Amino acid sequence: MSVGRLVHKPVGMLVGALGGVLAGQAFKQVWKLVGREEDAPSATDEERGWREVLAAAALQGAVFALVKAAVDRSGAVAVRRVTGHWPGGGH
């Protein structure tokens, strides 16, 4: 196992957890702007329609995917700076 992978695994787990928290906060802010209310609808909220529930879920998924990609990429770049190797065997 390469040094980059050894360094990246524990750091990646910690940064990934932080990324999840950041993504949750980012989604809340985006939903406040888009949905014009404090909380996004729950899938089981009987008072909300399909369109609103599915739109909120799609937006949440997009925000989480964007944050995850940014966090993963930043972590890989940092590992390469520190070790000289790209984690995961890439170039």
N, C-alpha and C. Protein backbone atom coordinates (compact mmCIF):
# COMPACT_ATOMS: atom_id res chain seq x y z
N MET A 1 0.86 -1.18 0.00
CA MET A 1 0.00 0.00 0.00
C MET A 1 0.90 1.23 0.00
N SER A 2 0.57 2.21 -0.85
CA SER A 2 1.41 3.40 -0.98
C SER A 2 1.21 4.33 0.21
N VAL A 3 2.18 5.21 0.39
CA VAL A 3 2.12 6.20 1.47
C VAL A 3 0.90 7.10 1.29
N GLY A 4 0.64 7.49 0.04
CA GLY A 4 -0.52 8.34 -0.24
C GLY A 4 -1.82 7.71 0.20
N ARG A 5 -1.95 6.43 -0.06
CA ARG A 5 -3.18 5.73 0.34
C ARG A 5 -3.27 5.60 1.85
N LEU A 6 -2.14 5.35 2.50
CA LEU A 6 -2.14 5.24 3.96
C LEU A 6 -2.55 6.56 4.61
N VAL A 7 -2.06 7.64 4.07
CA VAL A 7 -2.38 8.96 4.61
C VAL A 7 -3.82 9.34 4.27
N HIS A 8 -4.22 9.01 3.06
CA HIS A 8 -5.52 9.45 2.57
C HIS A 8 -6.69 8.78 3.28
N LYS A 9 -6.57 7.52 3.65
CA LYS A 9 -7.71 6.80 4.24
C LYS A 9 -8.22 7.44 5.54
N PRO A 10 -7.40 7.59 6.59
CA PRO A 10 -7.95 8.18 7.82
C PRO A 10 -8.32 9.65 7.66
N VAL A 11 -7.52 10.38 6.91
CA VAL A 11 -7.83 11.79 6.68
C VAL A 11 -9.10 11.90 5.86
N GLY A 12 -9.23 11.02 4.86
CA GLY A 12 -10.42 11.03 4.02
C GLY A 12 -11.69 10.75 4.80
N MET A 13 -11.62 9.85 5.77
CA MET A 13 -12.80 9.54 6.58
C MET A 13 -13.21 10.75 7.43
N LEU A 14 -12.24 11.39 8.02
CA LEU A 14 -12.52 12.57 8.85
C LEU A 14 -13.06 13.71 8.01
N VAL A 15 -12.41 13.97 6.88
CA VAL A 15 -12.83 15.04 6.00
C VAL A 15 -14.20 14.72 5.39
N GLY A 16 -14.45 13.44 5.09
CA GLY A 16 -15.74 13.04 4.56
C GLY A 16 -16.88 13.31 5.54
N ALA A 17 -16.63 13.03 6.81
CA ALA A 17 -17.65 13.30 7.83
C ALA A 17 -17.91 14.81 7.94
N LEU A 18 -16.84 15.58 7.92
CA LEU A 18 -16.98 17.04 7.96
C LEU A 18 -17.72 17.52 6.71
N GLY A 19 -17.41 16.93 5.57
CA GLY A 19 -18.10 17.27 4.33
C GLY A 19 -19.59 17.01 4.41
N GLY A 20 -19.98 15.92 5.05
CA GLY A 20 -21.40 15.62 5.23
C GLY A 20 -22.11 16.68 6.06
N VAL A 21 -21.44 17.14 7.10
CA VAL A 21 -22.01 18.20 7.94
C VAL A 21 -22.13 19.49 7.12
N LEU A 22 -21.08 19.82 6.38
CA LEU A 22 -21.11 21.02 5.54
C LEU A 22 -22.19 20.94 4.47
N ALA A 23 -22.34 19.77 3.87
CA ALA A 23 -23.36 19.58 2.84
C ALA A 23 -24.75 19.76 3.43
N GLY A 24 -24.96 19.26 4.63
CA GLY A 24 -26.26 19.43 5.30
C GLY A 24 -26.57 20.90 5.55
N GLN A 25 -25.56 21.63 6.00
CA GLN A 25 -25.75 23.07 6.24
C GLN A 25 -25.98 23.82 4.93
N ALA A 26 -25.22 23.44 3.90
CA ALA A 26 -25.38 24.09 2.59
C ALA A 26 -26.78 23.84 2.05
N PHE A 27 -27.26 22.61 2.16
CA PHE A 27 -28.60 22.30 1.68
C PHE A 27 -29.65 23.12 2.41
N LYS A 28 -29.52 23.25 3.72
CA LYS A 28 -30.48 24.04 4.50
C LYS A 28 -30.55 25.47 3.98
N GLN A 29 -29.38 26.05 3.69
CA GLN A 29 -29.34 27.42 3.18
C GLN A 29 -29.95 27.52 1.79
N VAL A 30 -29.63 26.57 0.93
CA VAL A 30 -30.18 26.57 -0.42
C VAL A 30 -31.70 26.40 -0.35
N TRP A 31 -32.16 25.50 0.52
CA TRP A 31 -33.60 25.28 0.61
C TRP A 31 -34.32 26.53 1.11
N LYS A 32 -33.71 27.27 2.03
CA LYS A 32 -34.32 28.51 2.51
C LYS A 32 -34.55 29.47 1.35
N LEU A 33 -33.61 29.52 0.41
CA LEU A 33 -33.75 30.40 -0.75
C LEU A 33 -34.77 29.86 -1.75
N VAL A 34 -34.67 28.58 -2.04
CA VAL A 34 -35.52 27.98 -3.07
C VAL A 34 -36.92 27.71 -2.56
N GLY A 35 -37.01 27.11 -1.39
CA GLY A 35 -38.31 26.72 -0.85
C GLY A 35 -38.99 27.81 -0.04
N ARG A 36 -38.23 28.85 0.27
CA ARG A 36 -38.73 29.98 1.06
C ARG A 36 -39.34 29.55 2.39
N GLU A 37 -38.70 28.55 2.99
CA GLU A 37 -39.09 28.12 4.32
C GLU A 37 -37.89 27.50 5.01
N GLU A 38 -38.00 27.31 6.30
CA GLU A 38 -36.87 26.86 7.12
C GLU A 38 -36.43 25.43 6.81
N ASP A 39 -37.39 24.52 6.74
CA ASP A 39 -37.05 23.10 6.58
C ASP A 39 -37.60 22.54 5.27
N ALA A 40 -36.84 21.65 4.68
CA ALA A 40 -37.28 20.95 3.48
C ALA A 40 -38.35 19.92 3.87
N PRO A 41 -39.20 19.59 2.94
CA PRO A 41 -40.25 18.62 3.26
C PRO A 41 -39.70 17.21 3.43
N SER A 42 -40.29 16.49 4.32
CA SER A 42 -39.97 15.08 4.51
C SER A 42 -40.79 14.27 3.52
N ALA A 43 -40.25 13.15 3.11
CA ALA A 43 -40.97 12.28 2.17
C ALA A 43 -42.29 11.77 2.75
N THR A 44 -42.39 11.73 4.06
CA THR A 44 -43.60 11.22 4.70
C THR A 44 -44.53 12.32 5.19
N ASP A 45 -44.23 13.57 4.84
CA ASP A 45 -45.08 14.69 5.24
C ASP A 45 -46.36 14.68 4.39
N GLU A 46 -47.46 14.35 5.01
CA GLU A 46 -48.73 14.21 4.29
C GLU A 46 -49.21 15.53 3.70
N GLU A 47 -48.79 16.63 4.25
CA GLU A 47 -49.23 17.95 3.80
C GLU A 47 -48.50 18.43 2.54
N ARG A 48 -47.43 17.75 2.17
CA ARG A 48 -46.62 18.17 1.02
C ARG A 48 -46.95 17.30 -0.19
N GLY A 49 -46.87 17.90 -1.37
CA GLY A 49 -47.14 17.18 -2.61
C GLY A 49 -45.91 16.46 -3.13
N TRP A 50 -46.15 15.56 -4.08
CA TRP A 50 -45.05 14.80 -4.69
C TRP A 50 -43.99 15.72 -5.29
N ARG A 51 -44.43 16.72 -6.02
CA ARG A 51 -43.50 17.60 -6.72
C ARG A 51 -42.52 18.25 -5.73
N GLU A 52 -43.05 18.78 -4.64
CA GLU A 52 -42.20 19.46 -3.66
C GLU A 52 -41.25 18.47 -2.97
N VAL A 53 -41.76 17.32 -2.59
CA VAL A 53 -40.93 16.31 -1.91
C VAL A 53 -39.80 15.83 -2.83
N LEU A 54 -40.15 15.51 -4.07
CA LEU A 54 -39.12 15.01 -5.00
C LEU A 54 -38.14 16.09 -5.41
N ALA A 55 -38.60 17.32 -5.56
CA ALA A 55 -37.69 18.42 -5.89
C ALA A 55 -36.70 18.64 -4.76
N ALA A 56 -37.18 18.60 -3.53
CA ALA A 56 -36.29 18.78 -2.38
C ALA A 56 -35.26 17.65 -2.31
N ALA A 57 -35.70 16.43 -2.56
CA ALA A 57 -34.78 15.28 -2.52
C ALA A 57 -33.73 15.39 -3.62
N ALA A 58 -34.14 15.80 -4.81
CA ALA A 58 -33.19 15.95 -5.92
C ALA A 58 -32.17 17.05 -5.61
N LEU A 59 -32.64 18.15 -5.08
CA LEU A 59 -31.74 19.24 -4.73
C LEU A 59 -30.77 18.82 -3.63
N GLN A 60 -31.28 18.12 -2.65
CA GLN A 60 -30.42 17.64 -1.57
C GLN A 60 -29.35 16.70 -2.11
N GLY A 61 -29.73 15.79 -2.97
CA GLY A 61 -28.76 14.87 -3.57
C GLY A 61 -27.69 15.60 -4.37
N ALA A 62 -28.12 16.61 -5.12
CA ALA A 62 -27.16 17.39 -5.92
C ALA A 62 -26.18 18.14 -5.03
N VAL A 63 -26.68 18.75 -3.96
CA VAL A 63 -25.80 19.49 -3.05
C VAL A 63 -24.82 18.53 -2.39
N PHE A 64 -25.29 17.39 -1.92
CA PHE A 64 -24.40 16.43 -1.26
C PHE A 64 -23.35 15.90 -2.24
N ALA A 65 -23.74 15.60 -3.47
CA ALA A 65 -22.79 15.11 -4.46
C ALA A 65 -21.74 16.17 -4.79
N LEU A 66 -22.15 17.41 -4.91
CA LEU A 66 -21.22 18.50 -5.20
C LEU A 66 -20.21 18.67 -4.08
N VAL A 67 -20.69 18.70 -2.85
CA VAL A 67 -19.79 18.85 -1.70
C VAL A 67 -18.86 17.66 -1.59
N LYS A 68 -19.37 16.45 -1.77
CA LYS A 68 -18.54 15.25 -1.69
C LYS A 68 -17.43 15.29 -2.73
N ALA A 69 -17.76 15.65 -3.96
CA ALA A 69 -16.76 15.72 -5.02
C ALA A 69 -15.70 16.77 -4.69
N ALA A 70 -16.12 17.91 -4.19
CA ALA A 70 -15.17 18.97 -3.84
C ALA A 70 -14.26 18.55 -2.69
N VAL A 71 -14.83 17.90 -1.69
CA VAL A 71 -14.05 17.44 -0.54
C VAL A 71 -13.08 16.33 -0.96
N ASP A 72 -13.57 15.35 -1.72
CA ASP A 72 -12.70 14.26 -2.17
C ASP A 72 -11.55 14.77 -3.03
N ARG A 73 -11.87 15.66 -3.95
CA ARG A 73 -10.84 16.20 -4.84
C ARG A 73 -9.81 17.01 -4.06
N SER A 74 -10.29 17.84 -3.14
CA SER A 74 -9.37 18.64 -2.32
C SER A 74 -8.47 17.75 -1.47
N GLY A 75 -9.03 16.69 -0.93
CA GLY A 75 -8.23 15.76 -0.14
C GLY A 75 -7.17 15.07 -0.98
N ALA A 76 -7.52 14.66 -2.18
CA ALA A 76 -6.55 14.01 -3.06
C ALA A 76 -5.42 14.97 -3.44
N VAL A 77 -5.77 16.21 -3.73
CA VAL A 77 -4.76 17.21 -4.06
C VAL A 77 -3.83 17.45 -2.87
N ALA A 78 -4.40 17.52 -1.68
CA ALA A 78 -3.58 17.73 -0.48
C ALA A 78 -2.65 16.56 -0.24
N VAL A 79 -3.14 15.33 -0.43
CA VAL A 79 -2.29 14.16 -0.25
C VAL A 79 -1.14 14.20 -1.25
N ARG A 80 -1.41 14.57 -2.49
CA ARG A 80 -0.34 14.64 -3.48
C ARG A 80 0.69 15.70 -3.10
N ARG A 81 0.24 16.83 -2.58
CA ARG A 81 1.18 17.87 -2.15
C ARG A 81 2.09 17.37 -1.04
N VAL A 82 1.52 16.62 -0.10
CA VAL A 82 2.28 16.15 1.06
C VAL A 82 3.18 14.98 0.71
N THR A 83 2.66 14.03 -0.08
CA THR A 83 3.40 12.79 -0.33
C THR A 83 4.05 12.71 -1.71
N GLY A 84 3.58 13.52 -2.63
CA GLY A 84 4.05 13.44 -4.01
C GLY A 84 3.33 12.38 -4.82
N HIS A 85 2.36 11.70 -4.22
CA HIS A 85 1.63 10.63 -4.89
C HIS A 85 0.13 10.90 -4.85
N TRP A 86 -0.53 10.57 -5.95
CA TRP A 86 -1.99 10.70 -6.02
C TRP A 86 -2.61 9.48 -5.36
N PRO A 87 -3.52 9.66 -4.40
CA PRO A 87 -4.13 8.51 -3.72
C PRO A 87 -4.96 7.67 -4.70
N GLY A 88 -4.97 6.39 -4.49
CA GLY A 88 -5.75 5.50 -5.33
C GLY A 88 -5.03 5.02 -6.56
N GLY A 89 -3.76 5.34 -6.70
CA GLY A 89 -2.99 4.82 -7.82
C GLY A 89 -3.10 5.62 -9.09
N GLY A 90 -3.79 6.77 -9.07
CA GLY A 90 -3.89 7.61 -10.26
C GLY A 90 -2.56 8.30 -10.56
N HIS A 91 -2.54 9.09 -11.62
CA HIS A 91 -1.30 9.74 -12.03
C HIS A 91 -1.11 11.06 -11.34
